[in-house]
Amino acid sequence: MYQLEGSIKLISPAQTFPSGFVKREFVVTTDDQYPQDIKLELTKEKCSLLDPISQGQRISVSFRIRGNEYQGKYYVNLQAYKIDAGAGGGSSDGPGLSEPPPGHMDGPGNEPSAEESSPF
């Protein structure tokens, strides 16, 4: 499970499909050195978690990474299951997305190149 903190940039209306499936998408802007706009989705009864949330509000969202293949193409969705409003009361200089534990990528050859450390 993963966690992301930031501000709500966009909340889309719920989408209902002919099968009865319902989803609602929203975008969170992180507080990183290079802020990222991350699109997440809520499904089924979890769509109502966004009802008390408003644009610009700070939140912490817990989510799962979901992937699937359809007709030879691969898709990734960030499926939220918990939203805490008013998050980020502590330091805001850390990354918005939870990072792997220290030492996870340490060692020779794992230093970011100048190209990788660029925001583009």
N, C-alpha and C. Protein backbone atom coordinates (compact mmCIF):
# COMPACT_ATOMS: atom_id res chain seq x y z
N MET A 1 0.83 -1.16 0.00
CA MET A 1 0.00 0.00 0.00
C MET A 1 0.89 1.25 0.00
N TYR A 2 0.40 2.28 -0.58
CA TYR A 2 1.17 3.51 -0.74
C TYR A 2 0.38 4.68 -0.17
N GLN A 3 1.09 5.78 0.10
CA GLN A 3 0.45 6.96 0.63
C GLN A 3 1.01 8.19 -0.06
N LEU A 4 0.14 9.17 -0.27
CA LEU A 4 0.50 10.39 -0.97
C LEU A 4 -0.11 11.57 -0.21
N GLU A 5 0.66 12.65 -0.06
CA GLU A 5 0.15 13.86 0.58
C GLU A 5 0.27 15.02 -0.38
N GLY A 6 -0.71 15.91 -0.34
CA GLY A 6 -0.68 17.08 -1.19
C GLY A 6 -2.00 17.81 -1.14
N SER A 7 -2.22 18.65 -2.15
CA SER A 7 -3.44 19.46 -2.23
C SER A 7 -4.30 18.97 -3.39
N ILE A 8 -5.61 19.00 -3.18
CA ILE A 8 -6.55 18.61 -4.25
C ILE A 8 -6.52 19.66 -5.34
N LYS A 9 -6.23 19.25 -6.56
CA LYS A 9 -6.23 20.15 -7.70
C LYS A 9 -7.54 20.06 -8.48
N LEU A 10 -8.08 18.84 -8.58
CA LEU A 10 -9.28 18.62 -9.39
C LEU A 10 -10.07 17.46 -8.83
N ILE A 11 -11.39 17.60 -8.80
CA ILE A 11 -12.28 16.51 -8.44
C ILE A 11 -13.30 16.37 -9.57
N SER A 12 -13.28 15.23 -10.23
CA SER A 12 -14.22 14.97 -11.34
C SER A 12 -15.51 14.39 -10.80
N PRO A 13 -16.61 14.59 -11.52
CA PRO A 13 -17.86 13.96 -11.11
C PRO A 13 -17.77 12.44 -11.29
N ALA A 14 -18.59 11.72 -10.56
CA ALA A 14 -18.62 10.26 -10.67
C ALA A 14 -19.06 9.85 -12.07
N GLN A 15 -18.45 8.78 -12.58
CA GLN A 15 -18.81 8.22 -13.88
C GLN A 15 -19.47 6.87 -13.64
N THR A 16 -20.65 6.69 -14.22
CA THR A 16 -21.35 5.41 -14.12
C THR A 16 -21.38 4.76 -15.49
N PHE A 17 -20.96 3.50 -15.57
CA PHE A 17 -20.89 2.77 -16.83
C PHE A 17 -22.10 1.86 -16.97
N PRO A 18 -22.42 1.43 -18.22
CA PRO A 18 -23.60 0.60 -18.44
C PRO A 18 -23.64 -0.67 -17.57
N SER A 19 -22.48 -1.18 -17.20
CA SER A 19 -22.43 -2.39 -16.36
C SER A 19 -22.82 -2.10 -14.91
N GLY A 20 -22.94 -0.80 -14.57
CA GLY A 20 -23.26 -0.41 -13.20
C GLY A 20 -22.02 -0.02 -12.41
N PHE A 21 -20.84 -0.20 -12.98
CA PHE A 21 -19.58 0.17 -12.33
C PHE A 21 -19.50 1.69 -12.20
N VAL A 22 -19.05 2.18 -11.05
CA VAL A 22 -18.95 3.62 -10.80
C VAL A 22 -17.51 3.94 -10.38
N LYS A 23 -16.97 5.03 -10.96
CA LYS A 23 -15.66 5.49 -10.52
C LYS A 23 -15.64 7.01 -10.51
N ARG A 24 -14.72 7.55 -9.70
CA ARG A 24 -14.57 9.00 -9.58
C ARG A 24 -13.08 9.31 -9.52
N GLU A 25 -12.62 10.19 -10.39
CA GLU A 25 -11.21 10.53 -10.46
C GLU A 25 -10.93 11.87 -9.78
N PHE A 26 -9.72 12.00 -9.26
CA PHE A 26 -9.30 13.26 -8.67
C PHE A 26 -7.79 13.39 -8.83
N VAL A 27 -7.30 14.63 -8.75
CA VAL A 27 -5.88 14.92 -8.94
C VAL A 27 -5.33 15.58 -7.67
N VAL A 28 -4.18 15.08 -7.22
CA VAL A 28 -3.49 15.62 -6.06
C VAL A 28 -2.16 16.20 -6.53
N THR A 29 -1.85 17.43 -6.12
CA THR A 29 -0.56 18.05 -6.42
C THR A 29 0.35 17.86 -5.21
N THR A 30 1.50 17.23 -5.43
CA THR A 30 2.44 16.96 -4.33
C THR A 30 3.21 18.23 -3.97
N ASP A 31 3.90 18.18 -2.83
CA ASP A 31 4.68 19.31 -2.35
C ASP A 31 6.18 19.10 -2.59
N ASP A 32 6.52 18.23 -3.53
CA ASP A 32 7.92 17.94 -3.83
C ASP A 32 8.64 19.17 -4.36
N GLN A 33 9.96 19.06 -4.49
CA GLN A 33 10.75 20.14 -5.08
C GLN A 33 10.22 20.46 -6.47
N TYR A 34 9.86 19.41 -7.20
CA TYR A 34 9.21 19.56 -8.50
C TYR A 34 7.82 18.97 -8.36
N PRO A 35 6.79 19.78 -8.00
CA PRO A 35 5.45 19.27 -7.74
C PRO A 35 4.91 18.45 -8.90
N GLN A 36 4.23 17.37 -8.54
CA GLN A 36 3.64 16.47 -9.53
C GLN A 36 2.13 16.46 -9.35
N ASP A 37 1.41 16.41 -10.47
CA ASP A 37 -0.05 16.25 -10.44
C ASP A 37 -0.33 14.77 -10.65
N ILE A 38 -0.85 14.11 -9.63
CA ILE A 38 -1.07 12.67 -9.63
C ILE A 38 -2.57 12.39 -9.68
N LYS A 39 -3.00 11.65 -10.73
CA LYS A 39 -4.42 11.30 -10.86
C LYS A 39 -4.67 9.97 -10.15
N LEU A 40 -5.68 9.96 -9.29
CA LEU A 40 -6.09 8.75 -8.59
C LEU A 40 -7.57 8.53 -8.86
N GLU A 41 -8.07 7.36 -8.50
CA GLU A 41 -9.49 7.09 -8.68
C GLU A 41 -10.06 6.36 -7.47
N LEU A 42 -11.34 6.58 -7.26
CA LEU A 42 -12.12 5.85 -6.26
C LEU A 42 -13.17 5.05 -7.03
N THR A 43 -13.52 3.87 -6.51
CA THR A 43 -14.51 3.04 -7.20
C THR A 43 -15.63 2.65 -6.25
N LYS A 44 -16.75 2.35 -6.85
CA LYS A 44 -17.94 1.86 -6.16
C LYS A 44 -18.33 2.74 -4.98
N GLU A 45 -18.53 2.14 -3.79
CA GLU A 45 -19.00 2.90 -2.63
C GLU A 45 -17.94 3.87 -2.09
N LYS A 46 -16.68 3.71 -2.48
CA LYS A 46 -15.62 4.60 -2.02
C LYS A 46 -15.71 5.99 -2.67
N CYS A 47 -16.50 6.14 -3.74
CA CYS A 47 -16.64 7.44 -4.42
C CYS A 47 -17.09 8.54 -3.46
N SER A 48 -17.86 8.17 -2.46
CA SER A 48 -18.39 9.17 -1.53
C SER A 48 -17.31 9.75 -0.61
N LEU A 49 -16.11 9.15 -0.57
CA LEU A 49 -15.03 9.70 0.26
C LEU A 49 -14.65 11.11 -0.16
N LEU A 50 -14.93 11.48 -1.41
CA LEU A 50 -14.58 12.82 -1.89
C LEU A 50 -15.65 13.87 -1.59
N ASP A 51 -16.84 13.44 -1.16
CA ASP A 51 -17.94 14.39 -0.93
C ASP A 51 -17.57 15.53 0.02
N PRO A 52 -16.91 15.27 1.17
CA PRO A 52 -16.58 16.38 2.07
C PRO A 52 -15.30 17.14 1.71
N ILE A 53 -14.63 16.73 0.64
CA ILE A 53 -13.35 17.32 0.24
C ILE A 53 -13.58 18.40 -0.80
N SER A 54 -12.80 19.49 -0.72
CA SER A 54 -12.94 20.56 -1.70
C SER A 54 -11.61 20.85 -2.37
N GLN A 55 -11.68 21.48 -3.52
CA GLN A 55 -10.50 21.84 -4.29
C GLN A 55 -9.59 22.73 -3.46
N GLY A 56 -8.27 22.47 -3.49
CA GLY A 56 -7.30 23.24 -2.73
C GLY A 56 -7.04 22.70 -1.33
N GLN A 57 -7.87 21.79 -0.87
CA GLN A 57 -7.72 21.24 0.47
C GLN A 57 -6.54 20.27 0.53
N ARG A 58 -5.80 20.29 1.65
CA ARG A 58 -4.69 19.35 1.84
C ARG A 58 -5.25 18.01 2.31
N ILE A 59 -4.72 16.94 1.72
CA ILE A 59 -5.17 15.60 2.10
C ILE A 59 -3.99 14.64 2.15
N SER A 60 -4.23 13.51 2.76
CA SER A 60 -3.35 12.36 2.70
C SER A 60 -4.21 11.23 2.15
N VAL A 61 -3.74 10.56 1.11
CA VAL A 61 -4.54 9.51 0.48
C VAL A 61 -3.74 8.21 0.46
N SER A 62 -4.38 7.13 0.87
CA SER A 62 -3.79 5.79 0.80
C SER A 62 -4.34 5.12 -0.44
N PHE A 63 -3.45 4.44 -1.19
CA PHE A 63 -3.89 3.85 -2.46
C PHE A 63 -3.12 2.58 -2.80
N ARG A 64 -3.67 1.84 -3.75
CA ARG A 64 -3.05 0.64 -4.30
C ARG A 64 -2.72 0.91 -5.76
N ILE A 65 -1.67 0.28 -6.24
CA ILE A 65 -1.34 0.36 -7.67
C ILE A 65 -1.98 -0.85 -8.34
N ARG A 66 -2.83 -0.59 -9.32
CA ARG A 66 -3.54 -1.65 -10.03
C ARG A 66 -3.12 -1.63 -11.50
N GLY A 67 -2.81 -2.78 -12.05
CA GLY A 67 -2.42 -2.85 -13.45
C GLY A 67 -3.20 -3.94 -14.16
N ASN A 68 -3.42 -3.73 -15.45
CA ASN A 68 -4.10 -4.75 -16.24
C ASN A 68 -3.73 -4.62 -17.72
N GLU A 69 -3.98 -5.68 -18.45
CA GLU A 69 -3.74 -5.72 -19.89
C GLU A 69 -5.10 -5.81 -20.59
N TYR A 70 -5.26 -5.05 -21.65
CA TYR A 70 -6.49 -5.10 -22.44
C TYR A 70 -6.10 -4.94 -23.90
N GLN A 71 -6.39 -5.96 -24.68
CA GLN A 71 -6.11 -5.97 -26.12
C GLN A 71 -4.67 -5.57 -26.43
N GLY A 72 -3.74 -6.17 -25.69
CA GLY A 72 -2.32 -5.95 -25.94
C GLY A 72 -1.75 -4.65 -25.39
N LYS A 73 -2.56 -3.86 -24.71
CA LYS A 73 -2.07 -2.62 -24.09
C LYS A 73 -2.15 -2.76 -22.58
N TYR A 74 -1.21 -2.12 -21.91
CA TYR A 74 -1.14 -2.22 -20.45
C TYR A 74 -1.52 -0.90 -19.81
N TYR A 75 -2.27 -1.00 -18.73
CA TYR A 75 -2.80 0.18 -18.04
C TYR A 75 -2.46 0.10 -16.56
N VAL A 76 -2.23 1.26 -15.96
CA VAL A 76 -1.96 1.36 -14.52
C VAL A 76 -2.93 2.38 -13.93
N ASN A 77 -3.56 2.01 -12.82
CA ASN A 77 -4.45 2.91 -12.10
C ASN A 77 -4.00 2.99 -10.66
N LEU A 78 -4.11 4.17 -10.07
CA LEU A 78 -3.85 4.36 -8.66
C LEU A 78 -5.21 4.40 -7.97
N GLN A 79 -5.55 3.32 -7.29
CA GLN A 79 -6.89 3.17 -6.73
C GLN A 79 -6.88 3.52 -5.24
N ALA A 80 -7.46 4.68 -4.91
CA ALA A 80 -7.52 5.16 -3.53
C ALA A 80 -8.54 4.36 -2.74
N TYR A 81 -8.26 4.19 -1.44
CA TYR A 81 -9.22 3.52 -0.57
C TYR A 81 -9.41 4.26 0.76
N LYS A 82 -8.59 5.29 1.01
CA LYS A 82 -8.72 6.05 2.25
C LYS A 82 -8.23 7.47 2.01
N ILE A 83 -8.99 8.46 2.47
CA ILE A 83 -8.60 9.86 2.36
C ILE A 83 -8.72 10.52 3.73
N ASP A 84 -7.63 11.16 4.17
CA ASP A 84 -7.64 11.91 5.42
C ASP A 84 -7.51 13.38 5.08
N ALA A 85 -8.49 14.18 5.45
CA ALA A 85 -8.47 15.62 5.17
C ALA A 85 -7.58 16.34 6.17
N GLY A 86 -7.01 17.46 5.70
CA GLY A 86 -6.20 18.30 6.58
C GLY A 86 -4.86 17.69 6.91
N ALA A 87 -4.33 16.84 6.04
CA ALA A 87 -3.05 16.19 6.28
C ALA A 87 -1.90 17.17 6.13
N GLY A 88 -0.74 16.75 6.56
CA GLY A 88 0.46 17.54 6.36
C GLY A 88 0.67 18.60 7.41
N GLY A 89 0.21 18.37 8.63
CA GLY A 89 0.42 19.33 9.69
C GLY A 89 1.87 19.47 10.08
N GLY A 90 2.71 18.48 9.72
CA GLY A 90 4.13 18.52 10.06
C GLY A 90 4.92 19.23 8.99
N SER A 91 6.15 18.82 8.82
CA SER A 91 7.05 19.43 7.84
C SER A 91 6.55 19.19 6.43
N SER A 92 6.60 20.21 5.62
CA SER A 92 6.13 20.07 4.24
C SER A 92 7.29 20.03 3.26
N ASP A 93 8.55 19.92 3.77
CA ASP A 93 9.67 19.91 2.86
C ASP A 93 10.04 18.51 2.39
N GLY A 94 9.38 17.50 2.91
CA GLY A 94 9.65 16.13 2.49
C GLY A 94 8.87 15.80 1.24
N PRO A 95 9.16 14.65 0.63
CA PRO A 95 8.45 14.26 -0.58
C PRO A 95 7.00 13.93 -0.29
N GLY A 96 6.14 14.13 -1.27
CA GLY A 96 4.73 13.85 -1.10
C GLY A 96 4.40 12.37 -1.14
N LEU A 97 5.20 11.57 -1.83
CA LEU A 97 4.94 10.15 -1.97
C LEU A 97 5.85 9.39 -1.02
N SER A 98 5.31 8.41 -0.29
CA SER A 98 6.13 7.62 0.60
C SER A 98 7.24 6.96 -0.19
N GLU A 99 8.45 6.98 0.37
CA GLU A 99 9.61 6.44 -0.32
C GLU A 99 10.00 5.09 0.25
N PRO A 100 10.77 4.29 -0.53
CA PRO A 100 11.26 3.01 -0.01
C PRO A 100 12.21 3.25 1.15
N PRO A 101 12.46 2.22 1.97
CA PRO A 101 13.34 2.41 3.12
C PRO A 101 14.75 2.77 2.70
N PRO A 102 15.51 3.45 3.59
CA PRO A 102 16.89 3.81 3.27
C PRO A 102 17.69 2.57 2.92
N GLY A 103 18.61 2.72 1.96
CA GLY A 103 19.43 1.61 1.55
C GLY A 103 18.81 0.76 0.47
N HIS A 104 17.55 1.03 0.12
CA HIS A 104 16.84 0.23 -0.88
C HIS A 104 17.56 0.21 -2.21
N MET A 105 18.07 1.35 -2.65
CA MET A 105 18.75 1.46 -3.94
C MET A 105 20.19 1.92 -3.78
N ASP A 106 20.75 1.80 -2.57
CA ASP A 106 22.13 2.23 -2.35
C ASP A 106 23.09 1.30 -3.06
N GLY A 107 24.25 1.83 -3.36
CA GLY A 107 25.29 1.01 -3.96
C GLY A 107 25.75 1.60 -5.26
N PRO A 108 26.88 1.10 -5.78
CA PRO A 108 27.41 1.62 -7.04
C PRO A 108 26.44 1.43 -8.18
N GLY A 109 26.38 2.42 -9.03
CA GLY A 109 25.52 2.33 -10.22
C GLY A 109 24.10 2.76 -9.98
N ASN A 110 23.73 3.11 -8.76
CA ASN A 110 22.35 3.52 -8.48
C ASN A 110 22.20 5.01 -8.27
N GLU A 111 23.29 5.78 -8.49
CA GLU A 111 23.20 7.22 -8.37
C GLU A 111 22.44 7.76 -9.58
N PRO A 112 21.55 8.76 -9.39
CA PRO A 112 20.83 9.31 -10.54
C PRO A 112 21.78 10.08 -11.45
N SER A 113 21.59 9.92 -12.73
CA SER A 113 22.38 10.69 -13.68
C SER A 113 21.83 12.11 -13.72
N ALA A 114 22.57 13.01 -14.37
CA ALA A 114 22.11 14.40 -14.49
C ALA A 114 20.78 14.44 -15.20
N GLU A 115 20.58 13.55 -16.15
CA GLU A 115 19.31 13.50 -16.89
C GLU A 115 18.17 13.07 -15.99
N GLU A 116 18.40 12.06 -15.11
CA GLU A 116 17.36 11.57 -14.23
C GLU A 116 16.98 12.57 -13.15
N SER A 117 17.91 13.43 -12.74
CA SER A 117 17.60 14.37 -11.68
C SER A 117 16.93 15.63 -12.19
N SER A 118 16.79 15.75 -13.50
CA SER A 118 16.10 16.88 -14.10
C SER A 118 14.60 16.74 -13.94
N PRO A 119 13.88 17.83 -13.76
CA PRO A 119 12.43 17.72 -13.61
C PRO A 119 11.72 17.36 -14.90
N PHE A 120 12.41 17.34 -16.03
CA PHE A 120 11.76 17.05 -17.30
C PHE A 120 12.34 15.83 -17.91
